PDB file of N, CA and C in Angstrom:
ATOM      1  N   MET A   1       4.531  -6.123 -14.455  1.00  0.00           N
ATOM      2  CA  MET A   1       4.937  -5.179 -13.379  1.00  0.00           C
ATOM      3  C   MET A   1       5.025  -3.796 -14.029  1.00  0.00           C
ATOM      4  N   GLU A   2       4.385  -2.876 -13.329  1.00  0.00           N
ATOM      5  CA  GLU A   2       4.465  -1.453 -13.841  1.00  0.00           C
ATOM      6  C   GLU A   2       5.837  -0.905 -13.570  1.00  0.00           C
ATOM      7  N   SER A   3       6.251  -0.066 -14.518  1.00  0.00           N
ATOM      8  CA  SER A   3       7.562   0.548 -14.373  1.00  0.00           C
ATOM      9  C   SER A   3       7.517   1.684 -13.352  1.00  0.00           C
ATOM     10  N   LEU A   4       8.639   2.013 -12.792  1.00  0.00           N
ATOM     11  CA  LEU A   4       8.777   3.054 -11.847  1.00  0.00           C
ATOM     12  C   LEU A   4       8.400   4.404 -12.500  1.00  0.00           C
ATOM     13  N   ASN A   5       8.827   4.581 -13.769  1.00  0.00           N
ATOM     14  CA  ASN A   5       8.508   5.835 -14.498  1.00  0.00           C
ATOM     15  C   ASN A   5       7.012   5.964 -14.672  1.00  0.00           C
ATOM     16  N   LYS A   6       6.311   4.900 -15.033  1.00  0.00           N
ATOM     17  CA  LYS A   6       4.875   4.920 -15.250  1.00  0.00           C
ATOM     18  C   LYS A   6       4.152   5.272 -13.987  1.00  0.00           C
ATOM     19  N   LEU A   7       4.534   4.677 -12.950  1.00  0.00           N
ATOM     20  CA  LEU A   7       3.943   4.981 -11.610  1.00  0.00           C
ATOM     21  C   LEU A   7       4.130   6.408 -11.208  1.00  0.00           C
ATOM     22  N   MET A   8       5.341   6.915 -11.422  1.00  0.00           N
ATOM     23  CA  MET A   8       5.654   8.363 -11.082  1.00  0.00           C
ATOM     24  C   MET A   8       4.779   9.244 -11.931  1.00  0.00           C
ATOM     25  N   GLN A   9       4.594   8.932 -13.190  1.00  0.00           N
ATOM     26  CA  GLN A   9       3.766   9.794 -14.093  1.00  0.00           C
ATOM     27  C   GLN A   9       2.293   9.830 -13.591  1.00  0.00           C
ATOM     28  N   GLU A  10       1.834   8.616 -13.155  1.00  0.00           N
ATOM     29  CA  GLU A  10       0.490   8.552 -12.632  1.00  0.00           C
ATOM     30  C   GLU A  10       0.297   9.359 -11.344  1.00  0.00           C
ATOM     31  N   ILE A  11       1.291   9.287 -10.494  1.00  0.00           N
ATOM     32  CA  ILE A  11       1.274  10.023  -9.192  1.00  0.00           C
ATOM     33  C   ILE A  11       1.281  11.528  -9.514  1.00  0.00           C
ATOM     34  N   ILE A  12       2.130  11.927 -10.416  1.00  0.00           N
ATOM     35  CA  ILE A  12       2.190  13.365 -10.841  1.00  0.00           C
ATOM     36  C   ILE A  12       0.842  13.810 -11.426  1.00  0.00           C
ATOM     37  N   ALA A  13       0.240  12.957 -12.298  1.00  0.00           N
ATOM     38  CA  ALA A  13      -1.004  13.329 -12.937  1.00  0.00           C
ATOM     39  C   ALA A  13      -2.123  13.504 -11.859  1.00  0.00           C
ATOM     40  N   ILE A  14      -2.246  12.568 -10.973  1.00  0.00           N
ATOM     41  CA  ILE A  14      -3.336  12.613  -9.947  1.00  0.00           C
ATOM     42  C   ILE A  14      -3.090  13.742  -9.032  1.00  0.00           C
ATOM     43  N   THR A  15      -1.842  13.990  -8.668  1.00  0.00           N
ATOM     44  CA  THR A  15      -1.500  15.165  -7.806  1.00  0.00           C
ATOM     45  C   THR A  15      -1.873  16.454  -8.467  1.00  0.00           C
ATOM     46  N   THR A  16      -1.584  16.542  -9.761  1.00  0.00           N
ATOM     47  CA  THR A  16      -1.915  17.785 -10.492  1.00  0.00           C
ATOM     48  C   THR A  16      -3.456  17.944 -10.594  1.00  0.00           C
ATOM     49  N   THR A  17      -4.171  16.870 -10.825  1.00  0.00           N
ATOM     50  CA  THR A  17      -5.626  16.925 -10.865  1.00  0.00           C
ATOM     51  C   THR A  17      -6.160  17.443  -9.522  1.00  0.00           C
ATOM     52  N   ILE A  18      -5.645  16.892  -8.450  1.00  0.00           N
ATOM     53  CA  ILE A  18      -6.123  17.328  -7.122  1.00  0.00           C
ATOM     54  C   ILE A  18      -5.821  18.739  -6.868  1.00  0.00           C
ATOM     55  N   GLU A  19      -4.604  19.202  -7.283  1.00  0.00           N
ATOM     56  CA  GLU A  19      -4.148  20.580  -7.122  1.00  0.00           C
ATOM     57  C   GLU A  19      -5.050  21.560  -7.862  1.00  0.00           C
ATOM     58  N   THR A  20      -5.429  21.204  -9.067  1.00  0.00           N
ATOM     59  CA  THR A  20      -6.103  22.140  -9.904  1.00  0.00           C
ATOM     60  C   THR A  20      -7.669  22.115  -9.737  1.00  0.00           C
ATOM     61  N   LYS A  21      -8.180  20.934  -9.581  1.00  0.00           N
ATOM     62  CA  LYS A  21      -9.665  20.748  -9.460  1.00  0.00           C
ATOM     63  C   LYS A  21     -10.167  20.682  -8.060  1.00  0.00           C
ATOM     64  N   TYR A  22      -9.297  20.271  -7.128  1.00  0.00           N
ATOM     65  CA  TYR A  22      -9.766  20.053  -5.725  1.00  0.00           C
ATOM     66  C   TYR A  22      -8.741  20.664  -4.758  1.00  0.00           C
ATOM     67  N   PRO A  23      -8.531  21.977  -4.859  1.00  0.00           N
ATOM     68  CA  PRO A  23      -7.540  22.594  -4.003  1.00  0.00           C
ATOM     69  C   PRO A  23      -7.817  22.432  -2.483  1.00  0.00           C
ATOM     70  N   GLU A  24      -9.086  22.256  -2.145  1.00  0.00           N
ATOM     71  CA  GLU A  24      -9.403  22.018  -0.748  1.00  0.00           C
ATOM     72  C   GLU A  24      -8.832  20.684  -0.220  1.00  0.00           C
ATOM     73  N   LEU A  25      -8.688  19.719  -1.160  1.00  0.00           N
ATOM     74  CA  LEU A  25      -8.068  18.449  -0.782  1.00  0.00           C
ATOM     75  C   LEU A  25      -6.552  18.493  -0.884  1.00  0.00           C
ATOM     76  N   TYR A  26      -6.055  19.332  -1.813  1.00  0.00           N
ATOM     77  CA  TYR A  26      -4.617  19.431  -2.056  1.00  0.00           C
ATOM     78  C   TYR A  26      -3.851  19.778  -0.775  1.00  0.00           C
ATOM     79  N   LYS A  27      -4.471  20.677   0.017  1.00  0.00           N
ATOM     80  CA  LYS A  27      -3.738  21.080   1.196  1.00  0.00           C
ATOM     81  C   LYS A  27      -3.441  19.918   2.187  1.00  0.00           C
ATOM     82  N   TYR A  28      -4.194  18.835   2.046  1.00  0.00           N
ATOM     83  CA  TYR A  28      -4.006  17.704   2.941  1.00  0.00           C
ATOM     84  C   TYR A  28      -2.958  16.672   2.406  1.00  0.00           C
ATOM     85  N   LEU A  29      -2.515  16.904   1.220  1.00  0.00           N
ATOM     86  CA  LEU A  29      -1.502  15.954   0.603  1.00  0.00           C
ATOM     87  C   LEU A  29      -0.247  15.958   1.437  1.00  0.00           C
ATOM     88  N   SER A  30       0.110  17.045   2.052  1.00  0.00           N
ATOM     89  CA  SER A  30       1.305  17.103   2.874  1.00  0.00           C
ATOM     90  C   SER A  30       1.190  16.218   4.083  1.00  0.00           C
ATOM     91  N   GLU A  31      -0.104  15.831   4.436  1.00  0.00           N
ATOM     92  CA  GLU A  31      -0.312  14.946   5.569  1.00  0.00           C
ATOM     93  C   GLU A  31      -0.263  13.502   5.142  1.00  0.00           C
ATOM     94  N   THR A  32      -0.315  13.273   3.800  1.00  0.00           N
ATOM     95  CA  THR A  32      -0.233  11.925   3.287  1.00  0.00           C
ATOM     96  C   THR A  32       1.163  11.446   3.477  1.00  0.00           C
ATOM     97  N   PRO A  33       1.379  10.290   4.045  1.00  0.00           N
ATOM     98  CA  PRO A  33       2.770   9.837   4.260  1.00  0.00           C
ATOM     99  C   PRO A  33       3.576   9.884   3.027  1.00  0.00           C
ATOM    100  N   LEU A  34       4.491  10.867   2.927  1.00  0.00           N
ATOM    101  CA  LEU A  34       5.399  10.924   1.806  1.00  0.00           C
ATOM    102  C   LEU A  34       6.575  10.050   2.027  1.00  0.00           C
ATOM    103  N   SER A  35       6.901   9.819   3.273  1.00  0.00           N
ATOM    104  CA  SER A  35       7.957   8.795   3.543  1.00  0.00           C
ATOM    105  C   SER A  35       7.246   7.467   3.419  1.00  0.00           C
ATOM    106  N   ILE A  36       7.214   7.029   2.207  1.00  0.00           N
ATOM    107  CA  ILE A  36       6.445   5.862   1.817  1.00  0.00           C
ATOM    108  C   ILE A  36       6.932   4.595   2.544  1.00  0.00           C
ATOM    109  N   THR A  37       8.163   4.601   2.865  1.00  0.00           N
ATOM    110  CA  THR A  37       8.696   3.433   3.578  1.00  0.00           C
ATOM    111  C   THR A  37       8.921   3.854   5.036  1.00  0.00           C
ATOM    112  N   GLY A  38       8.918   2.872   5.871  1.00  0.00           N
ATOM    113  CA  GLY A  38       9.125   3.108   7.324  1.00  0.00           C
ATOM    114  C   GLY A  38      10.557   3.292   7.678  1.00  0.00           C
ATOM    115  N   VAL A  39      11.422   2.742   6.863  1.00  0.00           N
ATOM    116  CA  VAL A  39      12.886   2.754   7.153  1.00  0.00           C
ATOM    117  C   VAL A  39      13.539   3.620   6.096  1.00  0.00           C
ATOM    118  N   LYS A  40      14.319   4.577   6.558  1.00  0.00           N
ATOM    119  CA  LYS A  40      14.962   5.498   5.607  1.00  0.00           C
ATOM    120  C   LYS A  40      16.032   4.811   4.724  1.00  0.00           C
ATOM    121  N   GLU A  41      16.587   3.755   5.213  1.00  0.00           N
ATOM    122  CA  GLU A  41      17.642   3.080   4.444  1.00  0.00           C
ATOM    123  C   GLU A  41      17.046   2.278   3.268  1.00  0.00           C
ATOM    124  N   LYS A  42      15.809   1.949   3.349  1.00  0.00           N
ATOM    125  CA  LYS A  42      15.178   1.155   2.317  1.00  0.00           C
ATOM    126  C   LYS A  42      14.903   1.992   1.101  1.00  0.00           C
ATOM    127  N   ALA A  43      15.260   1.507  -0.113  1.00  0.00           N
ATOM    128  CA  ALA A  43      14.933   2.231  -1.322  1.00  0.00           C
ATOM    129  C   ALA A  43      13.482   2.094  -1.652  1.00  0.00           C
ATOM    130  N   ILE A  44      12.898   3.128  -2.208  1.00  0.00           N
ATOM    131  CA  ILE A  44      11.544   3.098  -2.670  1.00  0.00           C
ATOM    132  C   ILE A  44      11.421   2.192  -3.866  1.00  0.00           C
ATOM    133  N   ASN A  45      10.466   1.272  -3.827  1.00  0.00           N
ATOM    134  CA  ASN A  45      10.317   0.370  -4.976  1.00  0.00           C
ATOM    135  C   ASN A  45       8.898   0.546  -5.543  1.00  0.00           C
ATOM    136  N   THR A  46       8.644  -0.246  -6.615  1.00  0.00           N
ATOM    137  CA  THR A  46       7.364  -0.095  -7.306  1.00  0.00           C
ATOM    138  C   THR A  46       6.150  -0.406  -6.415  1.00  0.00           C
ATOM    139  N   ASN A  47       6.263  -1.369  -5.477  1.00  0.00           N
ATOM    140  CA  ASN A  47       5.247  -1.655  -4.594  1.00  0.00           C
ATOM    141  C   ASN A  47       4.877  -0.467  -3.693  1.00  0.00           C
ATOM    142  N   ASP A  48       5.895   0.237  -3.203  1.00  0.00           N
ATOM    143  CA  ASP A  48       5.703   1.384  -2.401  1.00  0.00           C
ATOM    144  C   ASP A  48       4.964   2.505  -3.170  1.00  0.00           C
ATOM    145  N   LEU A  49       5.352   2.667  -4.425  1.00  0.00           N
ATOM    146  CA  LEU A  49       4.688   3.657  -5.286  1.00  0.00           C
ATOM    147  C   LEU A  49       3.228   3.252  -5.602  1.00  0.00           C
ATOM    148  N   LYS A  50       3.034   1.972  -5.844  1.00  0.00           N
ATOM    149  CA  LYS A  50       1.647   1.537  -6.027  1.00  0.00           C
ATOM    150  C   LYS A  50       0.792   1.813  -4.848  1.00  0.00           C
ATOM    151  N   GLU A  51       1.293   1.547  -3.634  1.00  0.00           N
ATOM    152  CA  GLU A  51       0.494   1.823  -2.471  1.00  0.00           C
ATOM    153  C   GLU A  51       0.255   3.312  -2.286  1.00  0.00           C
ATOM    154  N   TYR A  52       1.200   4.100  -2.585  1.00  0.00           N
ATOM    155  CA  TYR A  52       1.038   5.590  -2.470  1.00  0.00           C
ATOM    156  C   TYR A  52       0.041   6.086  -3.475  1.00  0.00           C
ATOM    157  N   LEU A  53       0.104   5.583  -4.746  1.00  0.00           N
ATOM    158  CA  LEU A  53      -0.867   5.925  -5.780  1.00  0.00           C
ATOM    159  C   LEU A  53      -2.298   5.464  -5.368  1.00  0.00           C
ATOM    160  N   ALA A  54      -2.407   4.286  -4.833  1.00  0.00           N
ATOM    161  CA  ALA A  54      -3.671   3.820  -4.387  1.00  0.00           C
ATOM    162  C   ALA A  54      -4.244   4.679  -3.265  1.00  0.00           C
ATOM    163  N   THR A  55      -3.412   5.178  -2.375  1.00  0.00           N
ATOM    164  CA  THR A  55      -3.851   6.084  -1.326  1.00  0.00           C
ATOM    165  C   THR A  55      -4.349   7.425  -1.911  1.00  0.00           C
ATOM    166  N   LEU A  56      -3.618   7.961  -2.872  1.00  0.00           N
ATOM    167  CA  LEU A  56      -4.047   9.188  -3.524  1.00  0.00           C
ATOM    168  C   LEU A  56      -5.409   9.020  -4.230  1.00  0.00           C
ATOM    169  N   LYS A  57      -5.521   7.909  -4.953  1.00  0.00           N
ATOM    170  CA  LYS A  57      -6.753   7.625  -5.638  1.00  0.00           C
ATOM    171  C   LYS A  57      -7.929   7.542  -4.685  1.00  0.00           C
ATOM    172  N   SER A  58      -7.674   6.807  -3.587  1.00  0.00           N
ATOM    173  CA  SER A  58      -8.706   6.613  -2.550  1.00  0.00           C
ATOM    174  C   SER A  58      -9.164   7.915  -1.962  1.00  0.00           C
ATOM    175  N   GLN A  59      -8.192   8.752  -1.649  1.00  0.00           N
ATOM    176  CA  GLN A  59      -8.494  10.067  -1.044  1.00  0.00           C
ATOM    177  C   GLN A  59      -9.290  10.914  -2.034  1.00  0.00           C
ATOM    178  N   LEU A  60      -8.975  10.898  -3.281  1.00  0.00           N
ATOM    179  CA  LEU A  60      -9.693  11.654  -4.285  1.00  0.00           C
ATOM    180  C   LEU A  60     -11.129  11.148  -4.471  1.00  0.00           C
ATOM    181  N   GLU A  61     -11.220   9.838  -4.553  1.00  0.00           N
ATOM    182  CA  GLU A  61     -12.551   9.225  -4.700  1.00  0.00           C
ATOM    183  C   GLU A  61     -13.422   9.540  -3.511  1.00  0.00           C
ATOM    184  N   HIS A  62     -12.917   9.438  -2.312  1.00  0.00           N
ATOM    185  CA  HIS A  62     -13.642   9.693  -1.132  1.00  0.00           C
ATOM    186  C   HIS A  62     -14.082  11.185  -1.063  1.00  0.00           C
ATOM    187  N   HIS A  63     -13.150  12.045  -1.442  1.00  0.00           N
ATOM    188  CA  HIS A  63     -13.485  13.461  -1.465  1.00  0.00           C
ATOM    189  C   HIS A  63     -14.599  13.788  -2.443  1.00  0.00           C
ATOM    190  N   ILE A  64     -14.495  13.223  -3.623  1.00  0.00           N
ATOM    191  CA  ILE A  64     -15.554  13.474  -4.644  1.00  0.00           C
ATOM    192  C   ILE A  64     -16.875  12.962  -4.175  1.00  0.00           C
ATOM    193  N   GLU A  65     -16.913  11.764  -3.604  1.00  0.00           N
ATOM    194  CA  GLU A  65     -18.180  11.183  -3.123  1.00  0.00           C
ATOM    195  C   GLU A  65     -18.822  12.026  -1.970  1.00  0.00           C
ATOM    196  N   THR A  66     -17.982  12.398  -1.039  1.00  0.00           N
ATOM    197  CA  THR A  66     -18.524  13.109   0.082  1.00  0.00           C
ATOM    198  C   THR A  66     -18.937  14.512  -0.237  1.00  0.00           C
ATOM    199  N   HIS A  67     -18.247  15.134  -1.165  1.00  0.00           N
ATOM    200  CA  HIS A  67     -18.614  16.489  -1.527  1.00  0.00           C
ATOM    201  C   HIS A  67     -19.656  16.571  -2.607  1.00  0.00           C
ATOM    202  N   LYS A  68     -19.824  15.440  -3.384  1.00  0.00           N
ATOM    203  CA  LYS A  68     -20.944  15.427  -4.350  1.00  0.00           C
ATOM    204  C   LYS A  68     -22.263  15.645  -3.633  1.00  0.00           C
ATOM    205  N   ASN A  69     -22.417  14.949  -2.511  1.00  0.00           N
ATOM    206  CA  ASN A  69     -23.672  15.067  -1.723  1.00  0.00           C
ATOM    207  C   ASN A  69     -23.817  16.451  -1.224  1.00  0.00           C
ATOM    208  N   LYS A  70     -22.778  17.100  -0.781  1.00  0.00           N
ATOM    209  CA  LYS A  70     -22.836  18.462  -0.218  1.00  0.00           C
ATOM    210  C   LYS A  70     -23.229  19.408  -1.321  1.00  0.00           C
ATOM    211  N   MET A  71     -22.720  19.173  -2.555  1.00  0.00           N
ATOM    212  CA  MET A  71     -23.009  20.067  -3.691  1.00  0.00           C
ATOM    213  C   MET A  71     -24.491  19.967  -4.045  1.00  0.00           C
ATOM    214  N   LYS A  72     -25.120  18.792  -3.947  1.00  0.00           N
ATOM    215  CA  LYS A  72     -26.543  18.606  -4.241  1.00  0.00           C
ATOM    216  C   LYS A  72     -27.399  19.339  -3.259  1.00  0.00           C
ATOM    217  N   GLU A  73     -26.925  19.442  -2.003  1.00  0.00           N
ATOM    218  CA  GLU A  73     -27.685  20.095  -0.938  1.00  0.00           C
ATOM    219  C   GLU A  73     -27.686  21.619  -1.073  1.00  0.00           C
ATOM    220  N   SER A  74     -26.651  22.174  -1.728  1.00  0.00           N
ATOM    221  CA  SER A  74     -26.569  23.626  -1.869  1.00  0.00           C
ATOM    222  C   SER A  74     -27.529  24.227  -2.799  1.00  0.00           C
TER     223      SER A  74
END
């Protein structure tokens, strides 16, 4: 099982990458559900962070793929 600290480091790293290399995508991160859990009383656990990290990775991969084709057309 991944540690909470390791997951947070990965989330920070991918968020920083998006912010510096893909600022056009970064503006949409605020629309990514930051309230990872549906219930406020529930503590955030490693599974919640894994899901959030997977969402960030998916968004970045999709952005790169869709914009790679646009860059070739230019």
